[in-house]
Amino acid sequence: MKKIFTVLGLISAAASMNAQIVINEVYGGGGNSGSTYKNDFVELKNIGSTVVTLTGATLQYASAAGTFNQYHPLPTITLNPGQMFLIQESAGTGGTTNLPTPDYIAPIPTNFGTGTNTTPGFAMAAGAGKVVLANNSVQVTTPTDANVVDFVGYGTTATQFEGTGPAPAPSAANSVARTAGDTNNNAADFVAGAPTPQNTSGSLAVSDVKNAKTANFVKNTFVKSDEITFGADVKDVKVYNMFGQVVKTTSVKQNGTVNVAELAKGNYIVTGTVNNEPVSQKILKD
């Protein structure tokens, strides 16, 4: 699939880590009988290794067997590696819990054809449907259209999808969520499970350290000897891979080291707390 972005920052040496924003989770059961959350939602995620800005994008929605007949715009979105972006869609009459504070509350959708909508957000089907992230407001017709950034067909009756088949069927109690990266195969990339909506503040959102007081948080950002050396006492050290997954946790004293021999070569994000301040640093393991 063609992925189109404005990419800021360094480009990873690993081609598989190229920056990309994808649809990370889809939940159409909000407000239904048996649901916990009151609203449907779509969650985006930067699964790449650099900061990404997406401008002029839209979300588009279709029923399982229908065409993409409605869309709503998105604001300019800038996400750090591993960071989520939570979009609140339509509310129902059921559910007991509000979503975490959404990064964007969807407006009343616009139809591609005749007719008008009167309530904010997509009223997505709980069990089967299609959602596409597009880089403009041109109506999407297939998963391989030039303006498609990411496409998810979910549920067994979805007639369009990426790869060999649709993502599994969600329900009032379950969403479909991405397992890790993007192989452009909905059947393999998603699993059904309890909804886990996360906004930008509730997910990995870190950048290189710029605070002079914590400039020696990580002393060797280019790690050649399998040891990360720290220049301060650091609590709650976490090492994240570029999919936002925690791969190492520890605490360390000033000038202490953490062995990362078990980690593959590539980019990682290290976070921790120094003098009660959260700090973070990108590293490259050789």
Protein backbone atom coordinates (compact mmCIF):
# COMPACT_ATOMS: atom_id res chain seq x y z
CA MET A 1 0.00 0.00 0.00
CA LYS A 2 1.18 3.51 -0.71
CA LYS A 3 1.94 5.44 2.49
CA ILE A 4 2.20 9.24 2.11
CA PHE A 5 3.49 11.44 4.92
CA THR A 6 5.42 14.56 5.74
CA VAL A 7 8.31 13.12 7.74
CA LEU A 8 10.32 15.19 10.19
CA GLY A 9 13.61 14.11 11.70
CA LEU A 10 16.11 11.40 10.97
CA ILE A 11 15.25 8.43 8.79
CA SER A 12 16.07 5.06 10.29
CA ALA A 13 18.64 2.90 8.56
CA ALA A 14 16.24 -0.02 8.74
CA ALA A 15 13.74 0.12 5.89
CA SER A 16 11.15 -1.76 7.94
CA MET A 17 11.17 1.08 10.47
CA ASN A 18 10.19 3.85 8.05
CA ALA A 19 7.85 6.35 9.69
CA GLN A 20 4.18 5.66 9.27
CA ILE A 21 0.88 6.48 10.93
CA VAL A 22 -1.60 3.63 10.83
CA ILE A 23 -5.03 2.72 12.18
CA ASN A 24 -4.16 0.96 15.42
CA GLU A 25 -7.56 0.12 16.91
CA VAL A 26 -11.20 0.25 15.79
CA TYR A 27 -14.20 -0.01 18.11
CA GLY A 28 -17.75 0.21 16.78
CA GLY A 29 -19.57 -1.16 19.82
CA GLY A 30 -19.60 2.02 21.89
CA GLY A 31 -22.96 2.77 23.45
CA ASN A 32 -24.38 -0.63 22.51
CA SER A 33 -26.01 -3.03 24.93
CA GLY A 34 -23.21 -4.92 26.64
CA SER A 35 -20.55 -2.28 25.97
CA THR A 36 -18.41 -0.51 28.55
CA TYR A 37 -17.56 2.62 26.60
CA LYS A 38 -20.23 5.09 25.57
CA ASN A 39 -18.60 6.02 22.25
CA ASP A 40 -17.14 4.35 19.21
CA PHE A 41 -13.51 5.26 18.55
CA VAL A 42 -10.65 4.98 16.10
CA GLU A 43 -7.10 5.07 17.42
CA LEU A 44 -4.13 6.01 15.23
CA LYS A 45 -0.49 5.22 16.00
CA ASN A 46 2.95 6.12 14.69
CA ILE A 47 4.62 2.71 14.34
CA GLY A 48 7.72 4.15 12.70
CA SER A 49 11.00 5.39 14.13
CA THR A 50 10.76 9.13 13.42
CA VAL A 51 8.35 11.96 14.14
CA VAL A 52 5.53 12.07 11.58
CA THR A 53 3.17 14.89 10.61
CA LEU A 54 -0.02 14.11 8.70
CA THR A 55 -1.83 17.11 7.19
CA GLY A 56 -5.13 17.36 5.35
CA ALA A 57 -6.16 13.78 6.18
CA THR A 58 -9.64 12.33 6.58
CA LEU A 59 -11.23 9.26 8.06
CA GLN A 60 -13.78 7.53 5.83
CA TYR A 61 -16.30 4.86 6.82
CA ALA A 62 -18.34 2.22 5.00
CA SER A 63 -20.60 -0.61 6.03
CA ALA A 64 -19.29 -4.14 5.57
CA ALA A 65 -20.62 -4.50 2.02
CA GLY A 66 -21.14 -0.84 1.17
CA THR A 67 -19.16 1.96 -0.43
CA PHE A 68 -17.38 4.70 1.50
CA ASN A 69 -20.28 7.09 1.73
CA GLN A 70 -19.14 9.47 4.48
CA TYR A 71 -16.03 11.10 5.85
CA HIS A 72 -14.83 13.64 8.37
CA PRO A 73 -11.65 15.71 8.36
CA LEU A 74 -8.78 15.32 10.81
CA PRO A 75 -6.63 18.09 12.26
CA THR A 76 -2.92 18.24 11.50
CA ILE A 77 -1.47 15.33 13.50
CA THR A 78 2.16 15.10 14.68
CA LEU A 79 3.09 11.89 16.48
CA ASN A 80 6.35 10.71 18.00
CA PRO A 81 7.39 7.06 17.59
CA GLY A 82 4.92 4.84 19.43
CA GLN A 83 2.48 7.67 20.15
CA MET A 84 -1.30 7.20 19.81
CA PHE A 85 -4.02 9.60 18.66
CA LEU A 86 -7.54 8.93 19.94
CA ILE A 87 -10.54 9.95 17.79
CA GLN A 88 -13.95 9.89 19.46
CA GLU A 89 -16.75 8.80 17.16
CA SER A 90 -20.52 8.44 17.64
CA ALA A 91 -22.15 7.91 21.03
CA GLY A 92 -24.88 5.39 21.80
CA THR A 93 -27.43 5.08 24.55
CA GLY A 94 -25.62 2.26 26.36
CA GLY A 95 -22.23 1.93 27.99
CA THR A 96 -21.10 3.09 31.40
CA THR A 97 -17.69 4.72 30.83
CA ASN A 98 -16.42 7.73 28.94
CA LEU A 99 -13.38 7.34 26.75
CA PRO A 100 -10.08 8.77 27.98
CA THR A 101 -9.91 12.41 26.95
CA PRO A 102 -9.94 12.17 23.14
CA ASP A 103 -7.33 13.97 21.07
CA TYR A 104 -10.07 14.80 18.59
CA ILE A 105 -13.86 14.68 18.76
CA ALA A 106 -15.17 13.83 15.31
CA PRO A 107 -17.56 16.39 13.81
CA ILE A 108 -20.76 15.60 11.95
CA PRO A 109 -19.64 13.51 8.95
CA THR A 110 -20.05 14.72 5.40
CA ASN A 111 -21.68 12.43 2.86
CA PHE A 112 -20.03 11.80 -0.49
CA GLY A 113 -23.45 11.66 -2.10
CA THR A 114 -26.88 12.97 -1.20
CA GLY A 115 -28.30 13.18 2.29
CA THR A 116 -27.08 14.76 5.49
CA ASN A 117 -26.00 13.57 8.93
CA THR A 118 -27.07 15.23 12.15
CA THR A 119 -24.92 13.72 14.91
CA PRO A 120 -21.13 13.87 15.45
CA GLY A 121 -18.88 11.00 14.41
CA PHE A 122 -19.37 7.75 12.56
CA ALA A 123 -22.03 5.37 13.91
CA MET A 124 -19.88 2.35 13.14
CA ALA A 125 -21.22 -1.19 13.09
CA ALA A 126 -19.99 -3.26 16.02
CA GLY A 127 -19.40 -6.50 14.11
CA ALA A 128 -18.26 -5.64 10.58
CA GLY A 129 -17.33 -2.57 8.58
CA LYS A 130 -14.54 -0.67 6.85
CA VAL A 131 -12.48 2.31 7.97
CA VAL A 132 -9.85 4.09 5.93
CA LEU A 133 -7.31 6.79 6.77
CA ALA A 134 -6.86 8.89 3.62
CA ASN A 135 -4.51 11.79 2.92
CA ASN A 136 -7.29 13.93 1.44
CA SER A 137 -11.08 14.08 1.13
CA VAL A 138 -11.33 12.16 -2.15
CA GLN A 139 -13.70 9.20 -1.84
CA VAL A 140 -11.82 5.91 -1.47
CA THR A 141 -13.06 3.00 -3.57
CA THR A 142 -10.40 0.29 -3.02
CA PRO A 143 -7.65 -0.47 -0.49
CA THR A 144 -5.00 0.34 -3.10
CA ASP A 145 -6.21 3.83 -4.04
CA ALA A 146 -3.40 6.39 -4.24
CA ASN A 147 -4.77 8.47 -1.35
CA VAL A 148 -5.04 5.52 1.08
CA VAL A 149 -2.73 5.82 4.08
CA ASP A 150 -4.17 2.79 5.89
CA PHE A 151 -7.23 0.59 5.35
CA VAL A 152 -8.98 -1.77 7.78
CA GLY A 153 -11.83 -4.09 6.84
CA TYR A 154 -13.12 -5.88 9.92
CA GLY A 155 -15.59 -8.69 10.47
CA THR A 156 -16.24 -11.75 8.33
CA THR A 157 -18.69 -9.98 6.01
CA ALA A 158 -16.37 -7.09 5.12
CA THR A 159 -16.03 -7.10 1.33
CA GLN A 160 -12.79 -5.08 1.18
CA PHE A 161 -9.62 -5.36 3.25
CA GLU A 162 -5.85 -5.38 3.02
CA GLY A 163 -4.17 -8.69 2.32
CA THR A 164 -5.76 -12.12 2.48
CA GLY A 165 -8.77 -11.34 4.63
CA PRO A 166 -10.45 -8.91 7.02
CA ALA A 167 -9.57 -8.34 10.64
CA PRO A 168 -11.56 -10.58 13.00
CA ALA A 169 -15.05 -9.59 14.06
CA PRO A 170 -15.30 -7.29 17.08
CA SER A 171 -18.44 -6.86 19.18
CA ALA A 172 -20.03 -4.62 21.78
CA ALA A 173 -17.42 -5.89 24.23
CA ASN A 174 -14.42 -6.13 21.89
CA SER A 175 -12.45 -3.93 19.52
CA VAL A 176 -9.95 -4.98 16.88
CA ALA A 177 -6.40 -3.84 17.63
CA ARG A 178 -3.12 -4.07 15.78
CA THR A 179 -0.71 -6.67 17.14
CA ALA A 180 2.53 -4.87 16.22
CA GLY A 181 3.61 -3.53 12.82
CA ASP A 182 1.88 -3.26 9.47
CA THR A 183 2.19 -6.12 6.98
CA ASN A 184 -0.75 -4.79 4.92
CA ASN A 185 -2.76 -7.89 5.85
CA ASN A 186 -5.76 -7.12 8.08
CA ALA A 187 -6.28 -10.78 8.93
CA ALA A 188 -2.76 -11.11 10.33
CA ASP A 189 -2.24 -7.62 11.74
CA PHE A 190 -5.30 -7.42 14.03
CA VAL A 191 -6.81 -9.36 16.91
CA ALA A 192 -10.12 -8.93 18.73
CA GLY A 193 -10.07 -8.13 22.44
CA ALA A 194 -11.20 -5.73 25.13
CA PRO A 195 -10.98 -2.10 23.97
CA THR A 196 -7.84 -0.22 25.08
CA PRO A 197 -8.30 3.41 23.96
CA GLN A 198 -5.20 5.55 24.49
CA ASN A 199 -4.70 9.23 23.77
CA THR A 200 -1.40 11.02 23.13
CA SER A 201 -0.72 11.60 26.81
CA GLY A 202 -1.45 7.99 27.71
CA SER A 203 0.98 6.44 25.25
CA LEU A 204 4.63 6.58 24.40
CA ALA A 205 5.35 10.16 23.36
CA VAL A 206 8.99 10.98 23.85
CA SER A 207 11.73 12.95 22.14
CA ASP A 208 15.44 13.56 22.53
CA VAL A 209 16.43 15.16 25.84
CA LYS A 210 16.88 18.94 25.63
CA ASN A 211 16.80 19.90 29.31
CA ALA A 212 20.33 20.89 30.37
CA LYS A 213 19.78 19.48 33.87
CA THR A 214 19.24 16.01 32.41
CA ALA A 215 21.54 16.21 29.39
CA ASN A 216 23.60 13.27 30.69
CA PHE A 217 20.60 11.03 31.24
CA VAL A 218 22.02 8.63 28.64
CA LYS A 219 25.73 9.21 28.04
CA ASN A 220 26.16 6.97 25.00
CA THR A 221 23.25 7.40 22.61
CA PHE A 222 25.18 5.28 20.08
CA VAL A 223 25.41 1.92 21.86
CA LYS A 224 28.23 -0.27 20.48
CA SER A 225 29.15 -2.38 23.53
CA ASP A 226 25.70 -3.72 24.57
CA GLU A 227 25.77 -1.38 27.59
CA ILE A 228 23.75 1.82 28.03
CA THR A 229 25.59 4.18 30.41
CA PHE A 230 23.64 6.68 32.51
CA GLY A 231 24.94 9.99 33.84
CA ALA A 232 22.53 10.26 36.76
CA ASP A 233 20.50 8.22 39.23
CA VAL A 234 17.47 7.13 37.20
CA LYS A 235 14.28 5.54 38.50
CA ASP A 236 11.80 3.55 36.45
CA VAL A 237 14.00 3.09 33.39
CA LYS A 238 12.04 1.72 30.44
CA VAL A 239 13.39 0.82 27.01
CA TYR A 240 10.81 0.93 24.20
CA ASN A 241 11.17 -0.49 20.73
CA MET A 242 9.85 1.49 17.77
CA PHE A 243 6.44 -0.20 18.02
CA GLY A 244 5.94 1.36 21.47
CA GLN A 245 6.50 -1.95 23.28
CA VAL A 246 8.48 -2.04 26.55
CA VAL A 247 11.41 -4.42 26.08
CA LYS A 248 13.43 -3.66 29.24
CA THR A 249 12.72 -2.17 32.69
CA THR A 250 15.12 -1.35 35.52
CA SER A 251 16.55 1.43 37.71
CA VAL A 252 20.18 2.55 37.71
CA LYS A 253 22.68 4.63 39.69
CA GLN A 254 24.79 7.49 38.32
CA ASN A 255 27.45 6.16 35.92
CA GLY A 256 25.77 2.78 36.08
CA THR A 257 25.07 0.64 33.04
CA VAL A 258 22.22 -1.48 31.69
CA ASN A 259 23.02 -4.46 29.50
CA VAL A 260 20.93 -4.69 26.32
CA ALA A 261 22.77 -7.53 24.59
CA GLU A 262 19.49 -9.36 24.03
CA LEU A 263 18.05 -6.50 21.95
CA ALA A 264 18.37 -6.44 18.17
CA LYS A 265 20.26 -3.67 16.41
CA GLY A 266 18.18 -0.59 15.74
CA ASN A 267 16.55 2.48 17.29
CA TYR A 268 15.02 2.49 20.76
CA ILE A 269 13.56 5.06 23.17
CA VAL A 270 14.77 5.13 26.78
CA THR A 271 12.63 6.85 29.41
CA GLY A 272 13.07 7.35 33.13
CA THR A 273 12.76 9.75 36.07
CA VAL A 274 15.68 11.98 37.17
CA ASN A 275 15.18 14.24 40.19
CA ASN A 276 11.43 13.67 39.88
CA GLU A 277 11.45 14.87 36.26
CA PRO A 278 10.44 12.58 33.37
CA VAL A 279 13.18 12.36 30.76
CA SER A 280 13.65 10.47 27.54
CA GLN A 281 16.28 9.80 24.91
CA LYS A 282 16.46 8.06 21.58
CA ILE A 283 19.37 5.62 21.17
CA LEU A 284 20.78 3.55 18.36
CA LYS A 285 22.07 0.07 19.21
CA ASP A 286 24.73 -1.15 16.81
